[in-house]
């Protein structure tokens, strides 16, 4: 539930619970790793892809 607080003439909206994240906090890590692996394979073949 959202609430409104008035402090020194300013209106601030706050949330009681933090919003859930649908992805890794710095973006889509899974997609980034897959893209990097594909690029490595393109440049150096399957042997270039290591974990």
PDB file of N, CA and C in Angstrom:
ATOM      1  N   UNK A   1       0.847  -1.173   0.000  1.00  0.00           N
ATOM      2  CA  UNK A   1       0.000   0.000   0.000  1.00  0.00           C
ATOM      3  C   UNK A   1       0.892   1.236   0.000  1.00  0.00           C
ATOM      4  N   UNK A   2       0.567   2.206  -0.806  1.00  0.00           N
ATOM      5  CA  UNK A   2       1.321   3.455  -0.881  1.00  0.00           C
ATOM      6  C   UNK A   2       0.814   4.430   0.177  1.00  0.00           C
ATOM      7  N   UNK A   3       1.712   5.276   0.646  1.00  0.00           N
ATOM      8  CA  UNK A   3       1.309   6.307   1.594  1.00  0.00           C
ATOM      9  C   UNK A   3       1.947   7.623   1.190  1.00  0.00           C
ATOM     10  N   UNK A   4       1.384   8.711   1.663  1.00  0.00           N
ATOM     11  CA  UNK A   4       1.879  10.044   1.336  1.00  0.00           C
ATOM     12  C   UNK A   4       2.245  10.745   2.637  1.00  0.00           C
ATOM     13  N   UNK A   5       3.435  11.344   2.661  1.00  0.00           N
ATOM     14  CA  UNK A   5       3.898  12.094   3.823  1.00  0.00           C
ATOM     15  C   UNK A   5       4.122  13.537   3.389  1.00  0.00           C
ATOM     16  N   UNK A   6       3.682  14.488   4.206  1.00  0.00           N
ATOM     17  CA  UNK A   6       3.899  15.897   3.900  1.00  0.00           C
ATOM     18  C   UNK A   6       4.940  16.421   4.884  1.00  0.00           C
ATOM     19  N   UNK A   7       6.057  16.942   4.349  1.00  0.00           N
ATOM     20  CA  UNK A   7       7.158  17.410   5.165  1.00  0.00           C
ATOM     21  C   UNK A   7       7.666  18.715   4.593  1.00  0.00           C
ATOM     22  N   UNK A   8       7.554  19.795   5.328  1.00  0.00           N
ATOM     23  CA  UNK A   8       8.018  21.109   4.897  1.00  0.00           C
ATOM     24  C   UNK A   8       7.446  21.501   3.538  1.00  0.00           C
ATOM     25  N   UNK A   9       6.176  21.230   3.326  1.00  0.00           N
ATOM     26  CA  UNK A   9       5.516  21.629   2.091  1.00  0.00           C
ATOM     27  C   UNK A   9       5.791  20.726   0.901  1.00  0.00           C
ATOM     28  N   UNK A  10       6.548  19.634   1.098  1.00  0.00           N
ATOM     29  CA  UNK A  10       6.841  18.706  -0.001  1.00  0.00           C
ATOM     30  C   UNK A  10       5.995  17.448   0.166  1.00  0.00           C
ATOM     31  N   UNK A  11       5.495  16.924  -0.921  1.00  0.00           N
ATOM     32  CA  UNK A  11       4.741  15.684  -0.895  1.00  0.00           C
ATOM     33  C   UNK A  11       5.638  14.564  -1.415  1.00  0.00           C
ATOM     34  N   UNK A  12       5.768  13.509  -0.635  1.00  0.00           N
ATOM     35  CA  UNK A  12       6.631  12.387  -1.003  1.00  0.00           C
ATOM     36  C   UNK A  12       5.807  11.112  -0.939  1.00  0.00           C
ATOM     37  N   UNK A  13       5.867  10.322  -1.993  1.00  0.00           N
ATOM     38  CA  UNK A  13       5.169   9.041  -2.017  1.00  0.00           C
ATOM     39  C   UNK A  13       6.167   7.942  -1.695  1.00  0.00           C
ATOM     40  N   UNK A  14       5.802   7.071  -0.764  1.00  0.00           N
ATOM     41  CA  UNK A  14       6.681   5.965  -0.393  1.00  0.00           C
ATOM     42  C   UNK A  14       5.945   4.650  -0.552  1.00  0.00           C
ATOM     43  N   UNK A  15       6.698   3.580  -0.677  1.00  0.00           N
ATOM     44  CA  UNK A  15       6.118   2.238  -0.741  1.00  0.00           C
ATOM     45  C   UNK A  15       6.522   1.478   0.517  1.00  0.00           C
ATOM     46  N   UNK A  16       5.613   0.677   1.017  1.00  0.00           N
ATOM     47  CA  UNK A  16       5.911  -0.125   2.193  1.00  0.00           C
ATOM     48  C   UNK A  16       6.787  -1.325   1.859  1.00  0.00           C
ATOM     49  N   UNK A  17       6.698  -1.831   0.634  1.00  0.00           N
ATOM     50  CA  UNK A  17       7.503  -2.976   0.224  1.00  0.00           C
ATOM     51  C   UNK A  17       8.296  -2.617  -1.022  1.00  0.00           C
ATOM     52  N   UNK A  18       9.524  -3.108  -1.128  1.00  0.00           N
ATOM     53  CA  UNK A  18      10.319  -2.816  -2.325  1.00  0.00           C
ATOM     54  C   UNK A  18       9.749  -3.532  -3.548  1.00  0.00           C
ATOM     55  N   UNK A  19       9.914  -2.914  -4.702  1.00  0.00           N
ATOM     56  CA  UNK A  19       9.435  -3.521  -5.940  1.00  0.00           C
ATOM     57  C   UNK A  19      10.322  -4.704  -6.300  1.00  0.00           C
ATOM     58  N   UNK A  20       9.725  -5.768  -6.788  1.00  0.00           N
ATOM     59  CA  UNK A  20      10.473  -6.957  -7.187  1.00  0.00           C
ATOM     60  C   UNK A  20      11.177  -6.716  -8.515  1.00  0.00           C
ATOM     61  N   UNK A  21      12.364  -7.255  -8.643  1.00  0.00           N
ATOM     62  CA  UNK A  21      13.109  -7.137  -9.896  1.00  0.00           C
ATOM     63  C   UNK A  21      12.821  -8.348 -10.760  1.00  0.00           C
ATOM     64  N   UNK A  22      12.642  -8.102 -12.053  1.00  0.00           N
ATOM     65  CA  UNK A  22      12.374  -9.209 -12.963  1.00  0.00           C
ATOM     66  C   UNK A  22      13.649  -9.713 -13.628  1.00  0.00           C
ATOM     67  N   UNK A  23      14.752  -8.975 -13.499  1.00  0.00           N
ATOM     68  CA  UNK A  23      16.016  -9.382 -14.101  1.00  0.00           C
ATOM     69  C   UNK A  23      17.150  -9.146 -13.125  1.00  0.00           C
ATOM     70  N   UNK A  24      18.300  -9.660 -13.461  1.00  0.00           N
ATOM     71  CA  UNK A  24      19.521  -9.397 -12.711  1.00  0.00           C
ATOM     72  C   UNK A  24      19.703  -7.890 -12.617  1.00  0.00           C
ATOM     73  N   UNK A  25      20.201  -7.393 -11.526  1.00  0.00           N
ATOM     74  CA  UNK A  25      20.218  -5.946 -11.285  1.00  0.00           C
ATOM     75  C   UNK A  25      21.001  -5.122 -12.292  1.00  0.00           C
ATOM     76  N   UNK A  26      21.938  -5.746 -13.026  1.00  0.00           N
ATOM     77  CA  UNK A  26      22.710  -5.001 -14.015  1.00  0.00           C
ATOM     78  C   UNK A  26      22.284  -5.341 -15.435  1.00  0.00           C
ATOM     79  N   UNK A  27      21.127  -5.902 -15.589  1.00  0.00           N
ATOM     80  CA  UNK A  27      20.640  -6.269 -16.914  1.00  0.00           C
ATOM     81  C   UNK A  27      20.347  -7.757 -16.979  1.00  0.00           C
ATOM     82  N   UNK A  28      20.271  -8.277 -18.169  1.00  0.00           N
ATOM     83  CA  UNK A  28      19.952  -9.683 -18.393  1.00  0.00           C
ATOM     84  C   UNK A  28      21.256 -10.474 -18.494  1.00  0.00           C
ATOM     85  N   UNK A  29      21.740 -10.977 -17.366  1.00  0.00           N
ATOM     86  CA  UNK A  29      23.020 -11.681 -17.308  1.00  0.00           C
ATOM     87  C   UNK A  29      23.016 -12.917 -18.195  1.00  0.00           C
ATOM     88  N   UNK A  30      21.948 -13.679 -18.179  1.00  0.00           N
ATOM     89  CA  UNK A  30      21.871 -14.890 -19.004  1.00  0.00           C
ATOM     90  C   UNK A  30      22.078 -14.555 -20.472  1.00  0.00           C
ATOM     91  N   UNK A  31      21.358 -13.561 -20.954  1.00  0.00           N
ATOM     92  CA  UNK A  31      21.469 -13.161 -22.361  1.00  0.00           C
ATOM     93  C   UNK A  31      22.879 -12.663 -22.680  1.00  0.00           C
ATOM     94  N   UNK A  32      23.467 -11.883 -21.776  1.00  0.00           N
ATOM     95  CA  UNK A  32      24.817 -11.358 -21.995  1.00  0.00           C
ATOM     96  C   UNK A  32      25.842 -12.487 -22.085  1.00  0.00           C
ATOM     97  N   UNK A  33      25.717 -13.501 -21.231  1.00  0.00           N
ATOM     98  CA  UNK A  33      26.645 -14.631 -21.273  1.00  0.00           C
ATOM     99  C   UNK A  33      26.475 -15.449 -22.548  1.00  0.00           C
ATOM    100  N   UNK A  34      25.242 -15.669 -22.962  1.00  0.00           N
ATOM    101  CA  UNK A  34      25.004 -16.401 -24.210  1.00  0.00           C
ATOM    102  C   UNK A  34      25.556 -15.643 -25.408  1.00  0.00           C
ATOM    103  N   UNK A  35      25.315 -14.351 -25.455  1.00  0.00           N
ATOM    104  CA  UNK A  35      25.833 -13.530 -26.560  1.00  0.00           C
ATOM    105  C   UNK A  35      27.357 -13.565 -26.604  1.00  0.00           C
ATOM    106  N   UNK A  36      27.994 -13.482 -25.439  1.00  0.00           N
ATOM    107  CA  UNK A  36      29.459 -13.512 -25.385  1.00  0.00           C
ATOM    108  C   UNK A  36      29.988 -14.864 -25.845  1.00  0.00           C
ATOM    109  N   UNK A  37      29.326 -15.949 -25.454  1.00  0.00           N
ATOM    110  CA  UNK A  37      29.743 -17.283 -25.886  1.00  0.00           C
ATOM    111  C   UNK A  37      29.617 -17.467 -27.383  1.00  0.00           C
ATOM    112  N   UNK A  38      28.535 -16.981 -27.954  1.00  0.00           N
ATOM    113  CA  UNK A  38      28.336 -17.068 -29.405  1.00  0.00           C
ATOM    114  C   UNK A  38      29.416 -16.272 -30.130  1.00  0.00           C
ATOM    115  N   UNK A  39      29.733 -15.099 -29.634  1.00  0.00           N
ATOM    116  CA  UNK A  39      30.764 -14.271 -30.266  1.00  0.00           C
ATOM    117  C   UNK A  39      32.135 -14.942 -30.187  1.00  0.00           C
ATOM    118  N   UNK A  40      32.453 -15.545 -29.049  1.00  0.00           N
ATOM    119  CA  UNK A  40      33.720 -16.278 -28.926  1.00  0.00           C
ATOM    120  C   UNK A  40      33.782 -17.425 -29.928  1.00  0.00           C
ATOM    121  N   UNK A  41      32.683 -18.153 -30.074  1.00  0.00           N
ATOM    122  CA  UNK A  41      32.639 -19.271 -31.020  1.00  0.00           C
ATOM    123  C   UNK A  41      32.793 -18.785 -32.456  1.00  0.00           C
ATOM    124  N   UNK A  42      32.214 -17.662 -32.786  1.00  0.00           N
ATOM    125  CA  UNK A  42      32.350 -17.106 -34.139  1.00  0.00           C
ATOM    126  C   UNK A  42      33.802 -16.752 -34.444  1.00  0.00           C
ATOM    127  N   UNK A  43      34.475 -16.182 -33.458  1.00  0.00           N
ATOM    128  CA  UNK A  43      35.844 -15.712 -33.672  1.00  0.00           C
ATOM    129  C   UNK A  43      36.876 -16.834 -33.641  1.00  0.00           C
ATOM    130  N   UNK A  44      36.700 -17.804 -32.752  1.00  0.00           N
ATOM    131  CA  UNK A  44      37.743 -18.810 -32.582  1.00  0.00           C
ATOM    132  C   UNK A  44      37.277 -20.247 -32.648  1.00  0.00           C
ATOM    133  N   UNK A  45      36.032 -20.468 -33.038  1.00  0.00           N
ATOM    134  CA  UNK A  45      35.514 -21.830 -33.102  1.00  0.00           C
ATOM    135  C   UNK A  45      35.100 -22.330 -31.729  1.00  0.00           C
ATOM    136  N   UNK A  46      34.551 -23.537 -31.687  1.00  0.00           N
ATOM    137  CA  UNK A  46      34.047 -24.097 -30.427  1.00  0.00           C
ATOM    138  C   UNK A  46      35.107 -24.189 -29.325  1.00  0.00           C
ATOM    139  N   UNK A  47      36.369 -24.399 -29.697  1.00  0.00           N
ATOM    140  CA  UNK A  47      37.434 -24.521 -28.695  1.00  0.00           C
ATOM    141  C   UNK A  47      37.684 -23.200 -27.967  1.00  0.00           C
ATOM    142  N   UNK A  48      37.249 -22.092 -28.539  1.00  0.00           N
ATOM    143  CA  UNK A  48      37.462 -20.784 -27.915  1.00  0.00           C
ATOM    144  C   UNK A  48      36.488 -20.523 -26.774  1.00  0.00           C
ATOM    145  N   UNK A  49      35.427 -21.319 -26.694  1.00  0.00           N
ATOM    146  CA  UNK A  49      34.411 -21.123 -25.654  1.00  0.00           C
ATOM    147  C   UNK A  49      34.768 -22.003 -24.462  1.00  0.00           C
ATOM    148  N   UNK A  50      35.162 -21.374 -23.365  1.00  0.00           N
ATOM    149  CA  UNK A  50      35.514 -22.096 -22.143  1.00  0.00           C
ATOM    150  C   UNK A  50      34.750 -21.492 -20.977  1.00  0.00           C
ATOM    151  N   UNK A  51      34.565 -22.290 -19.954  1.00  0.00           N
ATOM    152  CA  UNK A  51      33.878 -21.806 -18.750  1.00  0.00           C
ATOM    153  C   UNK A  51      34.873 -21.453 -17.686  1.00  0.00           C
TER     154      UNK A  51
END
